[in-house]
Amino acid sequence: MVSASLATLIIALVAVALAWKVLKGITKTIALVVILVVAAIFVFGGMS
């Protein structure tokens, strides 16, 4: 369980870094929010 959460957080961080470099403006903001919400739901309760 802990390793799955850690892997999810690492994947989320990589996705945030890629979105930060590739996207611009409001698209970047929306992408970052979606990535973080999905990661939080996965780690803290939605899919366990």
C-alpha atoms as a PDB file:
ATOM      1  CA  MET A   1       0.000   0.000   0.000  1.00  0.00           C
ATOM      2  CA  VAL A   2       2.744   2.457   0.935  1.00  0.00           C
ATOM      3  CA  SER A   3       4.778   1.620  -2.161  1.00  0.00           C
ATOM      4  CA  ALA A   4       1.721   2.149  -4.384  1.00  0.00           C
ATOM      5  CA  SER A   5       1.115   5.552  -2.799  1.00  0.00           C
ATOM      6  CA  LEU A   6       4.766   6.479  -3.209  1.00  0.00           C
ATOM      7  CA  ALA A   7       4.738   5.389  -6.848  1.00  0.00           C
ATOM      8  CA  THR A   8       1.583   7.452  -7.455  1.00  0.00           C
ATOM      9  CA  LEU A   9       3.176  10.516  -5.902  1.00  0.00           C
ATOM     10  CA  ILE A  10       6.318  10.100  -7.997  1.00  0.00           C
ATOM     11  CA  ILE A  11       4.250   9.731 -11.167  1.00  0.00           C
ATOM     12  CA  ALA A  12       2.241  12.824 -10.203  1.00  0.00           C
ATOM     13  CA  LEU A  13       5.423  14.826  -9.659  1.00  0.00           C
ATOM     14  CA  VAL A  14       6.777  13.782 -13.047  1.00  0.00           C
ATOM     15  CA  ALA A  15       3.462  14.686 -14.692  1.00  0.00           C
ATOM     16  CA  VAL A  16       3.486  18.094 -12.973  1.00  0.00           C
ATOM     17  CA  ALA A  17       7.058  18.737 -14.122  1.00  0.00           C
ATOM     18  CA  LEU A  18       6.167  17.813 -17.720  1.00  0.00           C
ATOM     19  CA  ALA A  19       3.018  19.950 -17.673  1.00  0.00           C
ATOM     20  CA  TRP A  20       5.004  22.853 -16.226  1.00  0.00           C
ATOM     21  CA  LYS A  21       7.573  22.673 -19.048  1.00  0.00           C
ATOM     22  CA  VAL A  22       5.227  21.949 -21.976  1.00  0.00           C
ATOM     23  CA  LEU A  23       2.007  23.855 -21.281  1.00  0.00           C
ATOM     24  CA  LYS A  24       1.323  27.572 -20.931  1.00  0.00           C
ATOM     25  CA  GLY A  25      -1.315  29.820 -19.408  1.00  0.00           C
ATOM     26  CA  ILE A  26      -4.683  28.576 -18.234  1.00  0.00           C
ATOM     27  CA  THR A  27      -4.065  25.180 -19.835  1.00  0.00           C
ATOM     28  CA  LYS A  28      -1.094  24.670 -17.518  1.00  0.00           C
ATOM     29  CA  THR A  29      -3.149  25.627 -14.486  1.00  0.00           C
ATOM     30  CA  ILE A  30      -6.000  23.286 -15.393  1.00  0.00           C
ATOM     31  CA  ALA A  31      -3.603  20.413 -16.108  1.00  0.00           C
ATOM     32  CA  LEU A  32      -1.784  20.891 -12.794  1.00  0.00           C
ATOM     33  CA  VAL A  33      -5.035  20.944 -10.821  1.00  0.00           C
ATOM     34  CA  VAL A  34      -6.334  17.822 -12.572  1.00  0.00           C
ATOM     35  CA  ILE A  35      -3.053  15.938 -11.997  1.00  0.00           C
ATOM     36  CA  LEU A  36      -2.991  16.815  -8.311  1.00  0.00           C
ATOM     37  CA  VAL A  37      -6.675  16.018  -7.744  1.00  0.00           C
ATOM     38  CA  VAL A  38      -6.390  12.629  -9.426  1.00  0.00           C
ATOM     39  CA  ALA A  39      -3.255  11.779  -7.441  1.00  0.00           C
ATOM     40  CA  ALA A  40      -4.899  12.859  -4.177  1.00  0.00           C
ATOM     41  CA  ILE A  41      -8.019  10.793  -4.855  1.00  0.00           C
ATOM     42  CA  PHE A  42      -5.915   7.749  -5.723  1.00  0.00           C
ATOM     43  CA  VAL A  43      -3.596   8.068  -2.719  1.00  0.00           C
ATOM     44  CA  PHE A  44      -6.051   9.150  -0.038  1.00  0.00           C
ATOM     45  CA  GLY A  45      -9.095   7.091  -0.644  1.00  0.00           C
ATOM     46  CA  GLY A  46     -10.876   6.845  -3.947  1.00  0.00           C
ATOM     47  CA  MET A  47      -9.324   3.678  -5.371  1.00  0.00           C
ATOM     48  CA  SER A  48      -8.154   1.579  -2.453  1.00  0.00           C
END
